[in-house]
């Protein structure tokens, strides 16, 4: 069974590589057993999108900005490991 793949498409003109790499690192750290890959896709034109197995879960142009890290982790978790506790991230959402 192939593990899920996350793709983060980011704008090189906007210099969003560091933000994309930070999300990548955090997702790989949190979901090291549940994800097969977190890929970075360079693009242009102000794009910033996150997809899980080709399903768009975040689009900066539609949502008006970038996801907070806890929100992104919850979105990914709900798709790839719904029973996985996220510790502090879950407590922040409840509070």
N, C-alpha and C. Protein backbone atom coordinates (compact mmCIF):
# COMPACT_ATOMS: atom_id res chain seq x y z
N UNK A 1 0.84 -1.19 0.00
CA UNK A 1 0.00 0.00 0.00
C UNK A 1 0.89 1.25 0.00
N UNK A 2 0.63 2.15 -0.93
CA UNK A 2 1.37 3.40 -0.99
C UNK A 2 0.85 4.36 0.07
N UNK A 3 1.78 5.04 0.71
CA UNK A 3 1.40 6.06 1.69
C UNK A 3 1.00 7.34 0.97
N UNK A 4 0.17 8.17 1.61
CA UNK A 4 -0.27 9.41 0.98
C UNK A 4 0.90 10.34 0.66
N UNK A 5 0.67 11.18 -0.34
CA UNK A 5 1.66 12.15 -0.81
C UNK A 5 1.09 13.55 -0.65
N UNK A 6 1.86 14.43 -0.04
CA UNK A 6 1.49 15.83 0.06
C UNK A 6 2.36 16.61 -0.91
N UNK A 7 1.76 17.55 -1.62
CA UNK A 7 2.50 18.44 -2.51
C UNK A 7 2.21 19.88 -2.11
N UNK A 8 3.27 20.64 -1.92
CA UNK A 8 3.14 22.07 -1.60
C UNK A 8 3.68 22.84 -2.79
N UNK A 9 2.79 23.57 -3.45
CA UNK A 9 3.17 24.39 -4.59
C UNK A 9 3.33 25.82 -4.09
N UNK A 10 4.49 26.42 -4.38
CA UNK A 10 4.79 27.74 -3.83
C UNK A 10 5.35 28.65 -4.92
N UNK A 11 5.19 29.95 -4.74
CA UNK A 11 5.66 30.94 -5.71
C UNK A 11 7.12 31.28 -5.45
N UNK A 12 7.94 31.06 -6.47
CA UNK A 12 9.36 31.40 -6.35
C UNK A 12 9.57 32.92 -6.44
N UNK A 13 8.75 33.60 -7.23
CA UNK A 13 8.85 35.05 -7.35
C UNK A 13 8.59 35.73 -6.01
N UNK A 14 7.70 35.15 -5.22
CA UNK A 14 7.32 35.72 -3.92
C UNK A 14 8.28 35.29 -2.81
N UNK A 15 9.21 34.40 -3.17
CA UNK A 15 10.21 33.88 -2.22
C UNK A 15 9.56 33.13 -1.05
N UNK A 16 8.62 32.26 -1.38
CA UNK A 16 7.91 31.48 -0.37
C UNK A 16 8.52 30.10 -0.14
N UNK A 17 9.72 29.87 -0.65
CA UNK A 17 10.36 28.57 -0.44
C UNK A 17 10.56 28.27 1.04
N UNK A 18 11.03 29.22 1.81
CA UNK A 18 11.28 28.95 3.24
C UNK A 18 9.99 28.58 3.96
N UNK A 19 8.89 29.26 3.65
CA UNK A 19 7.61 28.92 4.26
C UNK A 19 7.19 27.50 3.86
N UNK A 20 7.31 27.19 2.57
CA UNK A 20 6.94 25.86 2.09
C UNK A 20 7.81 24.79 2.73
N UNK A 21 9.11 25.06 2.85
CA UNK A 21 10.03 24.09 3.45
C UNK A 21 9.72 23.89 4.94
N UNK A 22 9.32 24.96 5.61
CA UNK A 22 8.95 24.85 7.03
C UNK A 22 7.71 23.95 7.19
N UNK A 23 6.69 24.19 6.35
CA UNK A 23 5.50 23.32 6.39
C UNK A 23 5.90 21.87 6.09
N UNK A 24 6.77 21.69 5.09
CA UNK A 24 7.23 20.35 4.73
C UNK A 24 7.89 19.66 5.93
N UNK A 25 8.80 20.36 6.57
CA UNK A 25 9.50 19.80 7.73
C UNK A 25 8.53 19.43 8.85
N UNK A 26 7.61 20.31 9.14
CA UNK A 26 6.64 20.06 10.22
C UNK A 26 5.73 18.87 9.90
N UNK A 27 5.27 18.78 8.66
CA UNK A 27 4.41 17.66 8.27
C UNK A 27 5.18 16.34 8.31
N UNK A 28 6.42 16.34 7.84
CA UNK A 28 7.22 15.11 7.87
C UNK A 28 7.56 14.70 9.30
N UNK A 29 7.75 15.67 10.18
CA UNK A 29 8.04 15.36 11.58
C UNK A 29 6.80 14.79 12.26
N UNK A 30 5.66 15.41 12.04
CA UNK A 30 4.42 14.97 12.69
C UNK A 30 3.89 13.66 12.12
N UNK A 31 3.99 13.49 10.82
CA UNK A 31 3.39 12.33 10.14
C UNK A 31 4.46 11.44 9.52
N UNK A 32 5.54 11.20 10.24
CA UNK A 32 6.66 10.43 9.67
C UNK A 32 6.28 8.99 9.32
N UNK A 33 5.27 8.44 9.95
CA UNK A 33 4.83 7.07 9.63
C UNK A 33 3.64 7.04 8.67
N UNK A 34 2.93 8.17 8.58
CA UNK A 34 1.69 8.20 7.81
C UNK A 34 1.83 8.74 6.40
N UNK A 35 2.93 9.47 6.12
CA UNK A 35 3.12 10.06 4.80
C UNK A 35 4.28 9.40 4.06
N UNK A 36 4.12 9.24 2.78
CA UNK A 36 5.20 8.69 1.97
C UNK A 36 6.10 9.77 1.41
N UNK A 37 5.56 10.99 1.31
CA UNK A 37 6.33 12.07 0.69
C UNK A 37 5.65 13.40 0.96
N UNK A 38 6.46 14.44 1.12
CA UNK A 38 5.98 15.81 1.08
C UNK A 38 6.86 16.53 0.07
N UNK A 39 6.29 16.80 -1.09
CA UNK A 39 7.05 17.37 -2.21
C UNK A 39 6.85 18.88 -2.27
N UNK A 40 7.89 19.57 -2.70
CA UNK A 40 7.82 21.00 -2.95
C UNK A 40 7.82 21.24 -4.44
N UNK A 41 6.84 22.01 -4.92
CA UNK A 41 6.70 22.30 -6.34
C UNK A 41 6.85 23.79 -6.58
N UNK A 42 7.94 24.22 -7.19
CA UNK A 42 8.09 25.64 -7.49
C UNK A 42 7.12 26.08 -8.59
N UNK A 43 6.60 27.29 -8.45
CA UNK A 43 5.69 27.87 -9.43
C UNK A 43 5.87 29.39 -9.40
N UNK A 44 5.03 30.09 -10.14
CA UNK A 44 5.08 31.55 -10.15
C UNK A 44 3.65 32.09 -10.06
N UNK A 45 3.53 33.40 -9.98
CA UNK A 45 2.21 34.02 -10.02
C UNK A 45 1.50 34.10 -8.68
N UNK A 46 2.23 34.05 -7.58
CA UNK A 46 1.60 34.19 -6.26
C UNK A 46 0.88 32.96 -5.75
N UNK A 47 1.18 31.81 -6.34
CA UNK A 47 0.49 30.58 -5.96
C UNK A 47 1.05 30.00 -4.66
N UNK A 48 0.16 29.50 -3.82
CA UNK A 48 0.55 28.68 -2.67
C UNK A 48 -0.60 27.71 -2.43
N UNK A 49 -0.36 26.44 -2.76
CA UNK A 49 -1.39 25.40 -2.62
C UNK A 49 -0.82 24.19 -1.91
N UNK A 50 -1.69 23.50 -1.20
CA UNK A 50 -1.33 22.24 -0.56
C UNK A 50 -2.33 21.19 -1.03
N UNK A 51 -1.79 20.08 -1.50
CA UNK A 51 -2.63 18.97 -1.96
C UNK A 51 -2.22 17.70 -1.23
N UNK A 52 -3.21 16.87 -0.92
CA UNK A 52 -2.97 15.55 -0.36
C UNK A 52 -3.51 14.55 -1.36
N UNK A 53 -2.63 13.74 -1.93
CA UNK A 53 -3.01 12.80 -2.98
C UNK A 53 -3.85 13.47 -4.06
N UNK A 54 -3.38 14.61 -4.56
CA UNK A 54 -4.01 15.35 -5.65
C UNK A 54 -5.35 15.97 -5.28
N UNK A 55 -5.71 15.98 -4.00
CA UNK A 55 -6.91 16.66 -3.53
C UNK A 55 -6.47 18.00 -2.93
N UNK A 56 -6.97 19.09 -3.48
CA UNK A 56 -6.60 20.41 -3.00
C UNK A 56 -7.19 20.64 -1.61
N UNK A 57 -6.33 20.91 -0.63
CA UNK A 57 -6.80 21.14 0.74
C UNK A 57 -6.55 22.58 1.20
N UNK A 58 -5.69 23.31 0.48
CA UNK A 58 -5.46 24.72 0.81
C UNK A 58 -5.03 25.46 -0.45
N UNK A 59 -5.66 26.58 -0.70
CA UNK A 59 -5.28 27.45 -1.81
C UNK A 59 -5.28 28.88 -1.29
N UNK A 60 -4.12 29.50 -1.30
CA UNK A 60 -3.97 30.85 -0.76
C UNK A 60 -4.93 31.83 -1.43
N UNK A 61 -5.13 31.70 -2.72
CA UNK A 61 -5.99 32.65 -3.44
C UNK A 61 -7.46 32.50 -3.02
N UNK A 62 -7.89 31.29 -2.66
CA UNK A 62 -9.27 31.08 -2.23
C UNK A 62 -9.47 31.42 -0.76
N UNK A 63 -8.46 31.14 0.05
CA UNK A 63 -8.59 31.31 1.50
C UNK A 63 -8.06 32.65 2.00
N UNK A 64 -7.42 33.40 1.12
CA UNK A 64 -6.95 34.72 1.50
C UNK A 64 -5.69 34.73 2.36
N UNK A 65 -4.88 33.71 2.26
CA UNK A 65 -3.63 33.71 3.02
C UNK A 65 -3.09 32.31 3.19
N UNK A 66 -2.21 32.19 4.16
CA UNK A 66 -1.55 30.92 4.43
C UNK A 66 -2.20 30.23 5.62
N UNK A 67 -2.13 28.90 5.67
CA UNK A 67 -2.70 28.21 6.83
C UNK A 67 -1.82 28.39 8.06
N UNK A 68 -2.46 28.49 9.22
CA UNK A 68 -1.71 28.37 10.47
C UNK A 68 -1.24 26.93 10.52
N UNK A 69 -0.08 26.70 11.08
CA UNK A 69 0.47 25.34 11.11
C UNK A 69 -0.47 24.36 11.80
N UNK A 70 -1.04 24.69 12.98
CA UNK A 70 -1.96 23.73 13.61
C UNK A 70 -3.15 23.39 12.71
N UNK A 71 -3.67 24.37 12.00
CA UNK A 71 -4.80 24.12 11.10
C UNK A 71 -4.39 23.18 9.96
N UNK A 72 -3.22 23.42 9.38
CA UNK A 72 -2.75 22.56 8.31
C UNK A 72 -2.53 21.13 8.81
N UNK A 73 -1.95 20.99 9.98
CA UNK A 73 -1.75 19.65 10.54
C UNK A 73 -3.07 18.94 10.76
N UNK A 74 -4.08 19.65 11.24
CA UNK A 74 -5.40 19.02 11.45
C UNK A 74 -6.01 18.59 10.12
N UNK A 75 -5.89 19.44 9.09
CA UNK A 75 -6.44 19.10 7.78
C UNK A 75 -5.77 17.83 7.25
N UNK A 76 -4.44 17.79 7.30
CA UNK A 76 -3.71 16.63 6.81
C UNK A 76 -4.04 15.40 7.65
N UNK A 77 -4.04 15.56 8.95
CA UNK A 77 -4.35 14.44 9.85
C UNK A 77 -5.72 13.85 9.54
N UNK A 78 -6.72 14.71 9.34
CA UNK A 78 -8.08 14.22 9.09
C UNK A 78 -8.16 13.39 7.81
N UNK A 79 -7.24 13.61 6.88
CA UNK A 79 -7.23 12.83 5.64
C UNK A 79 -6.35 11.59 5.71
N UNK A 80 -5.22 11.65 6.40
CA UNK A 80 -4.27 10.54 6.35
C UNK A 80 -4.23 9.67 7.60
N UNK A 81 -4.66 10.21 8.74
CA UNK A 81 -4.60 9.47 10.00
C UNK A 81 -5.61 10.04 10.98
N UNK A 82 -6.91 9.89 10.71
CA UNK A 82 -7.94 10.55 11.51
C UNK A 82 -7.90 10.24 13.01
N UNK A 83 -7.36 9.11 13.39
CA UNK A 83 -7.31 8.74 14.80
C UNK A 83 -6.05 9.21 15.51
N UNK A 84 -5.13 9.84 14.78
CA UNK A 84 -3.86 10.26 15.36
C UNK A 84 -4.05 11.50 16.22
N UNK A 85 -3.67 11.43 17.49
CA UNK A 85 -3.73 12.63 18.33
C UNK A 85 -2.59 13.58 17.95
N UNK A 86 -2.88 14.87 17.99
CA UNK A 86 -1.87 15.87 17.67
C UNK A 86 -1.38 16.63 18.90
N UNK A 87 -1.68 16.12 20.07
CA UNK A 87 -1.16 16.72 21.30
C UNK A 87 -1.56 18.17 21.45
N UNK A 88 -0.57 19.03 21.59
CA UNK A 88 -0.80 20.47 21.82
C UNK A 88 -1.65 21.07 20.71
N UNK A 89 -1.47 20.67 19.49
CA UNK A 89 -2.24 21.21 18.37
C UNK A 89 -3.72 20.96 18.56
N UNK A 90 -4.11 19.79 19.06
CA UNK A 90 -5.51 19.50 19.33
C UNK A 90 -6.03 20.34 20.48
N UNK A 91 -5.21 20.53 21.51
CA UNK A 91 -5.65 21.32 22.67
C UNK A 91 -5.87 22.78 22.29
N UNK A 92 -5.05 23.31 21.41
CA UNK A 92 -5.22 24.69 20.96
C UNK A 92 -6.56 24.85 20.24
N UNK A 93 -6.93 23.86 19.43
CA UNK A 93 -8.19 23.92 18.68
C UNK A 93 -9.39 23.87 19.61
N UNK A 94 -9.28 23.11 20.70
CA UNK A 94 -10.40 22.97 21.63
C UNK A 94 -10.59 24.22 22.46
N UNK A 95 -9.48 24.93 22.76
CA UNK A 95 -9.52 26.09 23.65
C UNK A 95 -10.07 27.26 22.98
